[in-house]
Amino acid sequence: METTASKGKRSYQRHPIQFKREVVEASFKSGVSVARLALQYGLNVNQIWTWRRLYREGRLCEGNRAALVAVDVIDTPRAVATRAVTREGCLEIAIGRAQLCVTGRVDAEVLKTAIAALLS
């Protein structure tokens, strides 16, 4: 943790991305109070809520870069419009001969863009 301060200004702590992710992931656990977590880590509650938003947006990645999502394009003769989740954490969508398989956590905007590409 690094603290920065300049003459007459408030000091700020710079926390490593991994620390932020650890705090956020702890806050998502069932029964965890964000206020208690803030006290435990010596943070402001609003800071944790901000980090949670950034985490959900995929902006708390190492190096502050967006995470890449692996996509396999499979040519298939099925004409099914959509297909339900086949196993936990995997969503398959078939539109005409195009098929999209999404695994893991995906941002809604990224998913919309991928579906739009399938439709074009």
PDB file of N, CA and C in Angstrom:
ATOM      1  N   MET A   1       0.837  -1.158   0.000  1.00  0.00           N
ATOM      2  CA  MET A   1       0.000   0.000   0.000  1.00  0.00           C
ATOM      3  C   MET A   1       0.890   1.231   0.000  1.00  0.00           C
ATOM      4  N   GLU A   2       0.633   2.168  -0.873  1.00  0.00           N
ATOM      5  CA  GLU A   2       1.444   3.358  -1.009  1.00  0.00           C
ATOM      6  C   GLU A   2       0.589   4.570  -0.677  1.00  0.00           C
ATOM      7  N   THR A   3       1.141   5.529   0.071  1.00  0.00           N
ATOM      8  CA  THR A   3       0.401   6.737   0.426  1.00  0.00           C
ATOM      9  C   THR A   3       1.031   7.912  -0.293  1.00  0.00           C
ATOM     10  N   THR A   4       0.194   8.758  -0.879  1.00  0.00           N
ATOM     11  CA  THR A   4       0.691   9.958  -1.541  1.00  0.00           C
ATOM     12  C   THR A   4       0.054  11.173  -0.888  1.00  0.00           C
ATOM     13  N   ALA A   5       0.837  12.236  -0.757  1.00  0.00           N
ATOM     14  CA  ALA A   5       0.324  13.480  -0.184  1.00  0.00           C
ATOM     15  C   ALA A   5       1.140  14.635  -0.722  1.00  0.00           C
ATOM     16  N   SER A   6       0.509  15.763  -0.894  1.00  0.00           N
ATOM     17  CA  SER A   6       1.223  16.967  -1.270  1.00  0.00           C
ATOM     18  C   SER A   6       0.757  18.082  -0.348  1.00  0.00           C
ATOM     19  N   LYS A   7       1.461  19.173  -0.362  1.00  0.00           N
ATOM     20  CA  LYS A   7       1.226  20.270   0.559  1.00  0.00           C
ATOM     21  C   LYS A   7      -0.244  20.706   0.579  1.00  0.00           C
ATOM     22  N   GLY A   8      -0.883  20.611   1.746  1.00  0.00           N
ATOM     23  CA  GLY A   8      -2.250  21.088   1.911  1.00  0.00           C
ATOM     24  C   GLY A   8      -3.323  20.214   1.283  1.00  0.00           C
ATOM     25  N   LYS A   9      -2.944  19.086   0.741  1.00  0.00           N
ATOM     26  CA  LYS A   9      -3.924  18.213   0.087  1.00  0.00           C
ATOM     27  C   LYS A   9      -4.106  16.938   0.875  1.00  0.00           C
ATOM     28  N   ARG A  10      -5.212  16.302   0.649  1.00  0.00           N
ATOM     29  CA  ARG A  10      -5.553  15.026   1.283  1.00  0.00           C
ATOM     30  C   ARG A  10      -4.589  13.934   0.812  1.00  0.00           C
ATOM     31  N   SER A  11      -4.265  13.004   1.691  1.00  0.00           N
ATOM     32  CA  SER A  11      -3.393  11.897   1.277  1.00  0.00           C
ATOM     33  C   SER A  11      -4.256  10.727   0.806  1.00  0.00           C
ATOM     34  N   TYR A  12      -3.780  10.030  -0.182  1.00  0.00           N
ATOM     35  CA  TYR A  12      -4.491   8.907  -0.766  1.00  0.00           C
ATOM     36  C   TYR A  12      -3.629   7.658  -0.676  1.00  0.00           C
ATOM     37  N   GLN A  13      -4.286   6.538  -0.497  1.00  0.00           N
ATOM     38  CA  GLN A  13      -3.566   5.271  -0.492  1.00  0.00           C
ATOM     39  C   GLN A  13      -3.766   4.620  -1.852  1.00  0.00           C
ATOM     40  N   ARG A  14      -2.727   4.045  -2.375  1.00  0.00           N
ATOM     41  CA  ARG A  14      -2.807   3.306  -3.633  1.00  0.00           C
ATOM     42  C   ARG A  14      -2.724   1.829  -3.303  1.00  0.00           C
ATOM     43  N   HIS A  15      -3.807   1.125  -3.582  1.00  0.00           N
ATOM     44  CA  HIS A  15      -3.868  -0.296  -3.270  1.00  0.00           C
ATOM     45  C   HIS A  15      -3.621  -1.112  -4.537  1.00  0.00           C
ATOM     46  N   PRO A  16      -2.874  -2.198  -4.413  1.00  0.00           N
ATOM     47  CA  PRO A  16      -2.649  -3.073  -5.576  1.00  0.00           C
ATOM     48  C   PRO A  16      -3.978  -3.665  -6.057  1.00  0.00           C
ATOM     49  N   ILE A  17      -4.058  -3.930  -7.348  1.00  0.00           N
ATOM     50  CA  ILE A  17      -5.268  -4.513  -7.952  1.00  0.00           C
ATOM     51  C   ILE A  17      -5.648  -5.808  -7.234  1.00  0.00           C
ATOM     52  N   GLN A  18      -4.666  -6.634  -6.922  1.00  0.00           N
ATOM     53  CA  GLN A  18      -4.958  -7.916  -6.266  1.00  0.00           C
ATOM     54  C   GLN A  18      -5.631  -7.697  -4.918  1.00  0.00           C
ATOM     55  N   PHE A  19      -5.201  -6.670  -4.170  1.00  0.00           N
ATOM     56  CA  PHE A  19      -5.815  -6.348  -2.878  1.00  0.00           C
ATOM     57  C   PHE A  19      -7.276  -5.929  -3.087  1.00  0.00           C
ATOM     58  N   LYS A  20      -7.518  -5.082  -4.087  1.00  0.00           N
ATOM     59  CA  LYS A  20      -8.884  -4.633  -4.377  1.00  0.00           C
ATOM     60  C   LYS A  20      -9.774  -5.822  -4.716  1.00  0.00           C
ATOM     61  N   ARG A  21      -9.257  -6.726  -5.555  1.00  0.00           N
ATOM     62  CA  ARG A  21     -10.029  -7.908  -5.941  1.00  0.00           C
ATOM     63  C   ARG A  21     -10.324  -8.785  -4.713  1.00  0.00           C
ATOM     64  N   GLU A  22      -9.347  -8.927  -3.834  1.00  0.00           N
ATOM     65  CA  GLU A  22      -9.535  -9.728  -2.617  1.00  0.00           C
ATOM     66  C   GLU A  22     -10.666  -9.150  -1.759  1.00  0.00           C
ATOM     67  N   VAL A  23     -10.654  -7.825  -1.574  1.00  0.00           N
ATOM     68  CA  VAL A  23     -11.685  -7.172  -0.766  1.00  0.00           C
ATOM     69  C   VAL A  23     -13.057  -7.322  -1.423  1.00  0.00           C
ATOM     70  N   VAL A  24     -13.118  -7.077  -2.730  1.00  0.00           N
ATOM     71  CA  VAL A  24     -14.392  -7.161  -3.456  1.00  0.00           C
ATOM     72  C   VAL A  24     -14.940  -8.580  -3.406  1.00  0.00           C
ATOM     73  N   GLU A  25     -14.109  -9.557  -3.682  1.00  0.00           N
ATOM     74  CA  GLU A  25     -14.572 -10.947  -3.672  1.00  0.00           C
ATOM     75  C   GLU A  25     -15.038 -11.361  -2.278  1.00  0.00           C
ATOM     76  N   ALA A  26     -14.380 -10.845  -1.240  1.00  0.00           N
ATOM     77  CA  ALA A  26     -14.835 -11.118   0.126  1.00  0.00           C
ATOM     78  C   ALA A  26     -16.203 -10.480   0.364  1.00  0.00           C
ATOM     79  N   SER A  27     -16.445  -9.322  -0.245  1.00  0.00           N
ATOM     80  CA  SER A  27     -17.724  -8.618  -0.042  1.00  0.00           C
ATOM     81  C   SER A  27     -18.892  -9.318  -0.726  1.00  0.00           C
ATOM     82  N   PHE A  28     -18.610 -10.168  -1.706  1.00  0.00           N
ATOM     83  CA  PHE A  28     -19.672 -10.880  -2.413  1.00  0.00           C
ATOM     84  C   PHE A  28     -20.131 -12.140  -1.666  1.00  0.00           C
ATOM     85  N   LYS A  29     -19.386 -12.554  -0.654  1.00  0.00           N
ATOM     86  CA  LYS A  29     -19.751 -13.768   0.082  1.00  0.00           C
ATOM     87  C   LYS A  29     -21.037 -13.546   0.862  1.00  0.00           C
ATOM     88  N   SER A  30     -21.836 -14.575   0.943  1.00  0.00           N
ATOM     89  CA  SER A  30     -23.117 -14.518   1.640  1.00  0.00           C
ATOM     90  C   SER A  30     -22.941 -14.142   3.107  1.00  0.00           C
ATOM     91  N   GLY A  31     -23.738 -13.187   3.570  1.00  0.00           N
ATOM     92  CA  GLY A  31     -23.732 -12.797   4.970  1.00  0.00           C
ATOM     93  C   GLY A  31     -22.651 -11.815   5.358  1.00  0.00           C
ATOM     94  N   VAL A  32     -21.826 -11.367   4.402  1.00  0.00           N
ATOM     95  CA  VAL A  32     -20.748 -10.430   4.710  1.00  0.00           C
ATOM     96  C   VAL A  32     -21.284  -9.002   4.674  1.00  0.00           C
ATOM     97  N   SER A  33     -20.994  -8.240   5.719  1.00  0.00           N
ATOM     98  CA  SER A  33     -21.375  -6.833   5.797  1.00  0.00           C
ATOM     99  C   SER A  33     -20.256  -5.988   5.196  1.00  0.00           C
ATOM    100  N   VAL A  34     -20.595  -5.164   4.212  1.00  0.00           N
ATOM    101  CA  VAL A  34     -19.588  -4.307   3.577  1.00  0.00           C
ATOM    102  C   VAL A  34     -19.031  -3.327   4.613  1.00  0.00           C
ATOM    103  N   ALA A  35     -19.871  -2.848   5.525  1.00  0.00           N
ATOM    104  CA  ALA A  35     -19.401  -1.924   6.563  1.00  0.00           C
ATOM    105  C   ALA A  35     -18.363  -2.592   7.465  1.00  0.00           C
ATOM    106  N   ARG A  36     -18.624  -3.827   7.873  1.00  0.00           N
ATOM    107  CA  ARG A  36     -17.668  -4.555   8.719  1.00  0.00           C
ATOM    108  C   ARG A  36     -16.383  -4.857   7.959  1.00  0.00           C
ATOM    109  N   LEU A  37     -16.531  -5.184   6.691  1.00  0.00           N
ATOM    110  CA  LEU A  37     -15.370  -5.468   5.857  1.00  0.00           C
ATOM    111  C   LEU A  37     -14.493  -4.215   5.738  1.00  0.00           C
ATOM    112  N   ALA A  38     -15.140  -3.063   5.580  1.00  0.00           N
ATOM    113  CA  ALA A  38     -14.400  -1.803   5.490  1.00  0.00           C
ATOM    114  C   ALA A  38     -13.606  -1.559   6.771  1.00  0.00           C
ATOM    115  N   LEU A  39     -14.231  -1.800   7.909  1.00  0.00           N
ATOM    116  CA  LEU A  39     -13.524  -1.647   9.188  1.00  0.00           C
ATOM    117  C   LEU A  39     -12.358  -2.620   9.291  1.00  0.00           C
ATOM    118  N   GLN A  40     -12.595  -3.848   8.880  1.00  0.00           N
ATOM    119  CA  GLN A  40     -11.574  -4.891   8.949  1.00  0.00           C
ATOM    120  C   GLN A  40     -10.335  -4.509   8.140  1.00  0.00           C
ATOM    121  N   TYR A  41     -10.550  -3.941   6.940  1.00  0.00           N
ATOM    122  CA  TYR A  41      -9.432  -3.587   6.059  1.00  0.00           C
ATOM    123  C   TYR A  41      -8.982  -2.132   6.211  1.00  0.00           C
ATOM    124  N   GLY A  42      -9.664  -1.363   7.078  1.00  0.00           N
ATOM    125  CA  GLY A  42      -9.291   0.045   7.261  1.00  0.00           C
ATOM    126  C   GLY A  42      -9.622   0.894   6.054  1.00  0.00           C
ATOM    127  N   LEU A  43     -10.761   0.608   5.417  1.00  0.00           N
ATOM    128  CA  LEU A  43     -11.180   1.321   4.214  1.00  0.00           C
ATOM    129  C   LEU A  43     -12.487   2.063   4.451  1.00  0.00           C
ATOM    130  N   ASN A  44     -12.801   2.986   3.567  1.00  0.00           N
ATOM    131  CA  ASN A  44     -14.090   3.656   3.572  1.00  0.00           C
ATOM    132  C   ASN A  44     -15.092   2.756   2.852  1.00  0.00           C
ATOM    133  N   VAL A  45     -16.306   2.663   3.362  1.00  0.00           N
ATOM    134  CA  VAL A  45     -17.334   1.817   2.760  1.00  0.00           C
ATOM    135  C   VAL A  45     -17.557   2.192   1.298  1.00  0.00           C
ATOM    136  N   ASN A  46     -17.580   3.488   1.008  1.00  0.00           N
ATOM    137  CA  ASN A  46     -17.809   3.932  -0.379  1.00  0.00           C
ATOM    138  C   ASN A  46     -16.724   3.434  -1.324  1.00  0.00           C
ATOM    139  N   GLN A  47     -15.503   3.284  -0.797  1.00  0.00           N
ATOM    140  CA  GLN A  47     -14.414   2.777  -1.631  1.00  0.00           C
ATOM    141  C   GLN A  47     -14.702   1.353  -2.063  1.00  0.00           C
ATOM    142  N   ILE A  48     -15.213   0.543  -1.144  1.00  0.00           N
ATOM    143  CA  ILE A  48     -15.524  -0.853  -1.480  1.00  0.00           C
ATOM    144  C   ILE A  48     -16.647  -0.898  -2.511  1.00  0.00           C
ATOM    145  N   TRP A  49     -17.673  -0.058  -2.345  1.00  0.00           N
ATOM    146  CA  TRP A  49     -18.767  -0.038  -3.324  1.00  0.00           C
ATOM    147  C   TRP A  49     -18.243   0.384  -4.704  1.00  0.00           C
ATOM    148  N   THR A  50     -17.315   1.329  -4.751  1.00  0.00           N
ATOM    149  CA  THR A  50     -16.727   1.745  -6.035  1.00  0.00           C
ATOM    150  C   THR A  50     -15.948   0.592  -6.656  1.00  0.00           C
ATOM    151  N   TRP A  51     -15.154  -0.100  -5.847  1.00  0.00           N
ATOM    152  CA  TRP A  51     -14.386  -1.239  -6.349  1.00  0.00           C
ATOM    153  C   TRP A  51     -15.304  -2.346  -6.835  1.00  0.00           C
ATOM    154  N   ARG A  52     -16.437  -2.562  -6.158  1.00  0.00           N
ATOM    155  CA  ARG A  52     -17.396  -3.582  -6.592  1.00  0.00           C
ATOM    156  C   ARG A  52     -17.930  -3.244  -7.986  1.00  0.00           C
ATOM    157  N   ARG A  53     -18.238  -1.963  -8.203  1.00  0.00           N
ATOM    158  CA  ARG A  53     -18.744  -1.540  -9.520  1.00  0.00           C
ATOM    159  C   ARG A  53     -17.667  -1.773 -10.584  1.00  0.00           C
ATOM    160  N   LEU A  54     -16.442  -1.368 -10.300  1.00  0.00           N
ATOM    161  CA  LEU A  54     -15.340  -1.561 -11.246  1.00  0.00           C
ATOM    162  C   LEU A  54     -15.122  -3.045 -11.534  1.00  0.00           C
ATOM    163  N   TYR A  55     -15.236  -3.874 -10.500  1.00  0.00           N
ATOM    164  CA  TYR A  55     -15.067  -5.323 -10.645  1.00  0.00           C
ATOM    165  C   TYR A  55     -16.121  -5.883 -11.588  1.00  0.00           C
ATOM    166  N   ARG A  56     -17.374  -5.489 -11.380  1.00  0.00           N
ATOM    167  CA  ARG A  56     -18.468  -5.968 -12.235  1.00  0.00           C
ATOM    168  C   ARG A  56     -18.297  -5.512 -13.679  1.00  0.00           C
ATOM    169  N   GLU A  57     -17.688  -4.340 -13.872  1.00  0.00           N
ATOM    170  CA  GLU A  57     -17.444  -3.822 -15.214  1.00  0.00           C
ATOM    171  C   GLU A  57     -16.191  -4.440 -15.842  1.00  0.00           C
ATOM    172  N   GLY A  58     -15.492  -5.285 -15.084  1.00  0.00           N
ATOM    173  CA  GLY A  58     -14.281  -5.914 -15.604  1.00  0.00           C
ATOM    174  C   GLY A  58     -13.080  -4.993 -15.598  1.00  0.00           C
ATOM    175  N   ARG A  59     -13.125  -3.947 -14.767  1.00  0.00           N
ATOM    176  CA  ARG A  59     -12.051  -2.957 -14.753  1.00  0.00           C
ATOM    177  C   ARG A  59     -11.080  -3.136 -13.589  1.00  0.00           C
ATOM    178  N   LEU A  60     -11.167  -4.260 -12.884  1.00  0.00           N
ATOM    179  CA  LEU A  60     -10.199  -4.550 -11.820  1.00  0.00           C
ATOM    180  C   LEU A  60      -9.335  -5.743 -12.220  1.00  0.00           C
ATOM    181  N   CYS A  61      -8.815  -5.694 -13.413  1.00  0.00           N
ATOM    182  CA  CYS A  61      -7.951  -6.762 -13.919  1.00  0.00           C
ATOM    183  C   CYS A  61      -6.507  -6.359 -13.690  1.00  0.00           C
ATOM    184  N   GLU A  62      -5.623  -7.330 -13.621  1.00  0.00           N
ATOM    185  CA  GLU A  62      -4.194  -7.052 -13.471  1.00  0.00           C
ATOM    186  C   GLU A  62      -3.752  -6.109 -14.588  1.00  0.00           C
ATOM    187  N   GLY A  63      -2.955  -5.131 -14.251  1.00  0.00           N
ATOM    188  CA  GLY A  63      -2.484  -4.174 -15.247  1.00  0.00           C
ATOM    189  C   GLY A  63      -3.574  -3.221 -15.700  1.00  0.00           C
ATOM    190  N   ASN A  64      -4.732  -3.254 -15.041  1.00  0.00           N
ATOM    191  CA  ASN A  64      -5.882  -2.405 -15.334  1.00  0.00           C
ATOM    192  C   ASN A  64      -6.324  -2.512 -16.788  1.00  0.00           C
ATOM    193  N   ARG A  65      -6.143  -3.697 -17.372  1.00  0.00           N
ATOM    194  CA  ARG A  65      -6.600  -3.941 -18.728  1.00  0.00           C
ATOM    195  C   ARG A  65      -7.840  -4.807 -18.679  1.00  0.00           C
ATOM    196  N   ALA A  66      -8.679  -4.648 -19.661  1.00  0.00           N
ATOM    197  CA  ALA A  66      -9.890  -5.471 -19.717  1.00  0.00           C
ATOM    198  C   ALA A  66      -9.505  -6.919 -19.969  1.00  0.00           C
ATOM    199  N   ALA A  67     -10.226  -7.819 -19.356  1.00  0.00           N
ATOM    200  CA  ALA A  67      -9.964  -9.237 -19.550  1.00  0.00           C
ATOM    201  C   ALA A  67     -10.487  -9.670 -20.907  1.00  0.00           C
ATOM    202  N   LEU A  68      -9.780 -10.567 -21.550  1.00  0.00           N
ATOM    203  CA  LEU A  68     -10.212 -11.095 -22.824  1.00  0.00           C
ATOM    204  C   LEU A  68     -11.031 -12.351 -22.604  1.00  0.00           C
ATOM    205  N   VAL A  69     -12.009 -12.549 -23.434  1.00  0.00           N
ATOM    206  CA  VAL A  69     -12.869 -13.715 -23.337  1.00  0.00           C
ATOM    207  C   VAL A  69     -12.616 -14.578 -24.558  1.00  0.00           C
ATOM    208  N   ALA A  70     -12.317 -15.862 -24.340  1.00  0.00           N
ATOM    209  CA  ALA A  70     -12.064 -16.776 -25.445  1.00  0.00           C
ATOM    210  C   ALA A  70     -13.370 -17.065 -26.184  1.00  0.00           C
ATOM    211  N   VAL A  71     -13.345 -16.997 -27.506  1.00  0.00           N
ATOM    212  CA  VAL A  71     -14.522 -17.254 -28.326  1.00  0.00           C
ATOM    213  C   VAL A  71     -14.132 -18.226 -29.429  1.00  0.00           C
ATOM    214  N   ASP A  72     -14.889 -19.299 -29.568  1.00  0.00           N
ATOM    215  CA  ASP A  72     -14.704 -20.234 -30.665  1.00  0.00           C
ATOM    216  C   ASP A  72     -15.896 -20.098 -31.599  1.00  0.00           C
ATOM    217  N   VAL A  73     -15.648 -19.856 -32.881  1.00  0.00           N
ATOM    218  CA  VAL A  73     -16.719 -19.774 -33.860  1.00  0.00           C
ATOM    219  C   VAL A  73     -16.832 -21.142 -34.511  1.00  0.00           C
ATOM    220  N   ILE A  74     -18.020 -21.740 -34.386  1.00  0.00           N
ATOM    221  CA  ILE A  74     -18.247 -23.088 -34.894  1.00  0.00           C
ATOM    222  C   ILE A  74     -19.323 -23.035 -35.972  1.00  0.00           C
ATOM    223  N   ASP A  75     -19.010 -23.534 -37.146  1.00  0.00           N
ATOM    224  CA  ASP A  75     -19.986 -23.598 -38.228  1.00  0.00           C
ATOM    225  C   ASP A  75     -20.867 -24.816 -37.988  1.00  0.00           C
ATOM    226  N   THR A  76     -22.171 -24.575 -37.815  1.00  0.00           N
ATOM    227  CA  THR A  76     -23.086 -25.666 -37.519  1.00  0.00           C
ATOM    228  C   THR A  76     -24.346 -25.546 -38.373  1.00  0.00           C
ATOM    229  N   PRO A  77     -24.902 -26.655 -38.842  1.00  0.00           N
ATOM    230  CA  PRO A  77     -26.083 -26.593 -39.697  1.00  0.00           C
ATOM    231  C   PRO A  77     -27.390 -26.365 -38.933  1.00  0.00           C
ATOM    232  N   ARG A  78     -27.345 -26.314 -37.605  1.00  0.00           N
ATOM    233  CA  ARG A  78     -28.578 -26.123 -36.835  1.00  0.00           C
ATOM    234  C   ARG A  78     -29.207 -24.773 -37.121  1.00  0.00           C
ATOM    235  N   ALA A  79     -30.527 -24.736 -37.127  1.00  0.00           N
ATOM    236  CA  ALA A  79     -31.254 -23.492 -37.340  1.00  0.00           C
ATOM    237  C   ALA A  79     -31.966 -23.060 -36.062  1.00  0.00           C
ATOM    238  N   VAL A  80     -31.469 -23.511 -34.931  1.00  0.00           N
ATOM    239  CA  VAL A  80     -32.075 -23.186 -33.639  1.00  0.00           C
ATOM    240  C   VAL A  80     -31.758 -21.737 -33.295  1.00  0.00           C
ATOM    241  N   ALA A  81     -32.760 -20.986 -32.845  1.00  0.00           N
ATOM    242  CA  ALA A  81     -32.552 -19.581 -32.506  1.00  0.00           C
ATOM    243  C   ALA A  81     -31.702 -19.438 -31.243  1.00  0.00           C
ATOM    244  N   THR A  82     -32.028 -20.167 -30.200  1.00  0.00           N
ATOM    245  CA  THR A  82     -31.224 -20.130 -28.977  1.00  0.00           C
ATOM    246  C   THR A  82     -31.239 -21.499 -28.335  1.00  0.00           C
ATOM    247  N   ARG A  83     -30.269 -21.733 -27.485  1.00  0.00           N
ATOM    248  CA  ARG A  83     -30.209 -22.984 -26.747  1.00  0.00           C
ATOM    249  C   ARG A  83     -29.893 -22.657 -25.298  1.00  0.00           C
ATOM    250  N   ALA A  84     -30.501 -23.328 -24.393  1.00  0.00           N
ATOM    251  CA  ALA A  84     -30.339 -23.032 -22.970  1.00  0.00           C
ATOM    252  C   ALA A  84     -28.951 -23.399 -22.482  1.00  0.00           C
ATOM    253  N   VAL A  85     -28.669 -23.022 -21.256  1.00  0.00           N
ATOM    254  CA  VAL A  85     -27.395 -23.344 -20.628  1.00  0.00           C
ATOM    255  C   VAL A  85     -27.239 -24.854 -20.586  1.00  0.00           C
ATOM    256  N   THR A  86     -26.079 -25.323 -21.044  1.00  0.00           N
ATOM    257  CA  THR A  86     -25.859 -26.759 -21.113  1.00  0.00           C
ATOM    258  C   THR A  86     -25.170 -27.298 -19.871  1.00  0.00           C
ATOM    259  N   ARG A  87     -24.373 -26.478 -19.216  1.00  0.00           N
ATOM    260  CA  ARG A  87     -23.735 -26.855 -17.960  1.00  0.00           C
ATOM    261  C   ARG A  87     -23.445 -25.560 -17.206  1.00  0.00           C
ATOM    262  N   GLU A  88     -23.164 -25.683 -15.954  1.00  0.00           N
ATOM    263  CA  GLU A  88     -22.936 -24.499 -15.136  1.00  0.00           C
ATOM    264  C   GLU A  88     -21.810 -23.647 -15.703  1.00  0.00           C
ATOM    265  N   GLY A  89     -22.078 -22.367 -15.916  1.00  0.00           N
ATOM    266  CA  GLY A  89     -21.063 -21.449 -16.391  1.00  0.00           C
ATOM    267  C   GLY A  89     -20.872 -21.437 -17.896  1.00  0.00           C
ATOM    268  N   CYS A  90     -21.721 -22.101 -18.650  1.00  0.00           N
ATOM    269  CA  CYS A  90     -21.583 -22.121 -20.103  1.00  0.00           C
ATOM    270  C   CYS A  90     -22.932 -21.830 -20.747  1.00  0.00           C
ATOM    271  N   LEU A  91     -22.959 -20.876 -21.658  1.00  0.00           N
ATOM    272  CA  LEU A  91     -24.171 -20.519 -22.374  1.00  0.00           C
ATOM    273  C   LEU A  91     -23.880 -20.679 -23.863  1.00  0.00           C
ATOM    274  N   GLU A  92     -24.723 -21.434 -24.562  1.00  0.00           N
ATOM    275  CA  GLU A  92     -24.554 -21.617 -26.001  1.00  0.00           C
ATOM    276  C   GLU A  92     -25.726 -20.970 -26.717  1.00  0.00           C
ATOM    277  N   ILE A  93     -25.423 -20.185 -27.739  1.00  0.00           N
ATOM    278  CA  ILE A  93     -26.446 -19.526 -28.548  1.00  0.00           C
ATOM    279  C   ILE A  93     -26.168 -19.868 -30.003  1.00  0.00           C
ATOM    280  N   ALA A  94     -27.174 -20.424 -30.678  1.00  0.00           N
ATOM    281  CA  ALA A  94     -27.032 -20.745 -32.101  1.00  0.00           C
ATOM    282  C   ALA A  94     -28.032 -19.895 -32.870  1.00  0.00           C
ATOM    283  N   ILE A  95     -27.540 -19.193 -33.881  1.00  0.00           N
ATOM    284  CA  ILE A  95     -28.382 -18.377 -34.746  1.00  0.00           C
ATOM    285  C   ILE A  95     -28.052 -18.785 -36.173  1.00  0.00           C
ATOM    286  N   GLY A  96     -28.997 -19.452 -36.813  1.00  0.00           N
ATOM    287  CA  GLY A  96     -28.723 -19.979 -38.145  1.00  0.00           C
ATOM    288  C   GLY A  96     -27.600 -20.988 -38.060  1.00  0.00           C
ATOM    289  N   ARG A  97     -26.541 -20.771 -38.849  1.00  0.00           N
ATOM    290  CA  ARG A  97     -25.397 -21.681 -38.841  1.00  0.00           C
ATOM    291  C   ARG A  97     -24.305 -21.222 -37.875  1.00  0.00           C
ATOM    292  N   ALA A  98     -24.482 -20.051 -37.286  1.00  0.00           N
ATOM    293  CA  ALA A  98     -23.478 -19.535 -36.350  1.00  0.00           C
ATOM    294  C   ALA A  98     -23.807 -19.962 -34.932  1.00  0.00           C
ATOM    295  N   GLN A  99     -22.770 -20.228 -34.156  1.00  0.00           N
ATOM    296  CA  GLN A  99     -22.956 -20.655 -32.773  1.00  0.00           C
ATOM    297  C   GLN A  99     -21.977 -19.909 -31.888  1.00  0.00           C
ATOM    298  N   LEU A 100     -22.458 -19.457 -30.732  1.00  0.00           N
ATOM    299  CA  LEU A 100     -21.634 -18.736 -29.775  1.00  0.00           C
ATOM    300  C   LEU A 100     -21.686 -19.480 -28.452  1.00  0.00           C
ATOM    301  N   CYS A 101     -20.523 -19.794 -27.890  1.00  0.00           N
ATOM    302  CA  CYS A 101     -20.448 -20.462 -26.592  1.00  0.00           C
ATOM    303  C   CYS A 101     -19.718 -19.521 -25.645  1.00  0.00           C
ATOM    304  N   VAL A 102     -20.374 -19.154 -24.558  1.00  0.00           N
ATOM    305  CA  VAL A 102     -19.808 -18.221 -23.588  1.00  0.00           C
ATOM    306  C   VAL A 102     -19.608 -18.963 -22.280  1.00  0.00           C
ATOM    307  N   THR A 103     -18.386 -18.883 -21.741  1.00  0.00           N
ATOM    308  CA  THR A 103     -18.113 -19.503 -20.444  1.00  0.00           C
ATOM    309  C   THR A 103     -17.595 -18.444 -19.492  1.00  0.00           C
ATOM    310  N   GLY A 104     -17.844 -18.637 -18.215  1.00  0.00           N
ATOM    311  CA  GLY A 104     -17.348 -17.708 -17.207  1.00  0.00           C
ATOM    312  C   GLY A 104     -18.164 -16.437 -17.139  1.00  0.00           C
ATOM    313  N   ARG A 105     -17.611 -15.444 -16.491  1.00  0.00           N
ATOM    314  CA  ARG A 105     -18.275 -14.165 -16.269  1.00  0.00           C
ATOM    315  C   ARG A 105     -18.066 -13.260 -17.488  1.00  0.00           C
ATOM    316  N   VAL A 106     -19.158 -12.755 -18.079  1.00  0.00           N
ATOM    317  CA  VAL A 106     -19.065 -11.937 -19.282  1.00  0.00           C
ATOM    318  C   VAL A 106     -19.855 -10.660 -19.083  1.00  0.00           C
ATOM    319  N   ASP A 107     -19.294  -9.557 -19.500  1.00  0.00           N
ATOM    320  CA  ASP A 107     -19.970  -8.265 -19.447  1.00  0.00           C
ATOM    321  C   ASP A 107     -21.150  -8.268 -20.418  1.00  0.00           C
ATOM    322  N   ALA A 108     -22.265  -7.674 -20.027  1.00  0.00           N
ATOM    323  CA  ALA A 108     -23.477  -7.655 -20.851  1.00  0.00           C
ATOM    324  C   ALA A 108     -23.234  -6.976 -22.204  1.00  0.00           C
ATOM    325  N   GLU A 109     -22.472  -5.894 -22.227  1.00  0.00           N
ATOM    326  CA  GLU A 109     -22.204  -5.190 -23.479  1.00  0.00           C
ATOM    327  C   GLU A 109     -21.376  -6.048 -24.438  1.00  0.00           C
ATOM    328  N   VAL A 110     -20.429  -6.795 -23.900  1.00  0.00           N
ATOM    329  CA  VAL A 110     -19.619  -7.685 -24.732  1.00  0.00           C
ATOM    330  C   VAL A 110     -20.511  -8.761 -25.340  1.00  0.00           C
ATOM    331  N   LEU A 111     -21.432  -9.304 -24.538  1.00  0.00           N
ATOM    332  CA  LEU A 111     -22.343 -10.329 -25.038  1.00  0.00           C
ATOM    333  C   LEU A 111     -23.253  -9.771 -26.125  1.00  0.00           C
ATOM    334  N   LYS A 112     -23.789  -8.556 -25.924  1.00  0.00           N
ATOM    335  CA  LYS A 112     -24.645  -7.918 -26.939  1.00  0.00           C
ATOM    336  C   LYS A 112     -23.884  -7.745 -28.256  1.00  0.00           C
ATOM    337  N   THR A 113     -22.636  -7.316 -28.157  1.00  0.00           N
ATOM    338  CA  THR A 113     -21.803  -7.107 -29.347  1.00  0.00           C
ATOM    339  C   THR A 113     -21.564  -8.427 -30.072  1.00  0.00           C
ATOM    340  N   ALA A 114     -21.296  -9.487 -29.323  1.00  0.00           N
ATOM    341  CA  ALA A 114     -21.056 -10.796 -29.934  1.00  0.00           C
ATOM    342  C   ALA A 114     -22.309 -11.309 -30.634  1.00  0.00           C
ATOM    343  N   ILE A 115     -23.462 -11.142 -30.010  1.00  0.00           N
ATOM    344  CA  ILE A 115     -24.724 -11.583 -30.631  1.00  0.00           C
ATOM    345  C   ILE A 115     -25.021 -10.763 -31.874  1.00  0.00           C
ATOM    346  N   ALA A 116     -24.776  -9.466 -31.814  1.00  0.00           N
ATOM    347  CA  ALA A 116     -24.991  -8.599 -32.984  1.00  0.00           C
ATOM    348  C   ALA A 116     -24.109  -9.052 -34.147  1.00  0.00           C
ATOM    349  N   ALA A 117     -22.871  -9.469 -33.825  1.00  0.00           N
ATOM    350  CA  ALA A 117     -21.966  -9.960 -34.875  1.00  0.00           C
ATOM    351  C   ALA A 117     -22.496 -11.236 -35.494  1.00  0.00           C
ATOM    352  N   LEU A 118     -23.106 -12.097 -34.684  1.00  0.00           N
ATOM    353  CA  LEU A 118     -23.695 -13.325 -35.216  1.00  0.00           C
ATOM    354  C   LEU A 118     -24.854 -13.020 -36.160  1.00  0.00           C
ATOM    355  N   LEU A 119     -25.610 -12.003 -35.830  1.00  0.00           N
ATOM    356  CA  LEU A 119     -26.785 -11.659 -36.637  1.00  0.00           C
ATOM    357  C   LEU A 119     -26.426 -10.955 -37.941  1.00  0.00           C
ATOM    358  N   SER A 120     -25.245 -10.376 -38.018  1.00  0.00           N
ATOM    359  CA  SER A 120     -24.875  -9.635 -39.236  1.00  0.00           C
ATOM    360  C   SER A 120     -24.297 -10.507 -40.306  1.00  0.00           C
TER     361      SER A 120
END
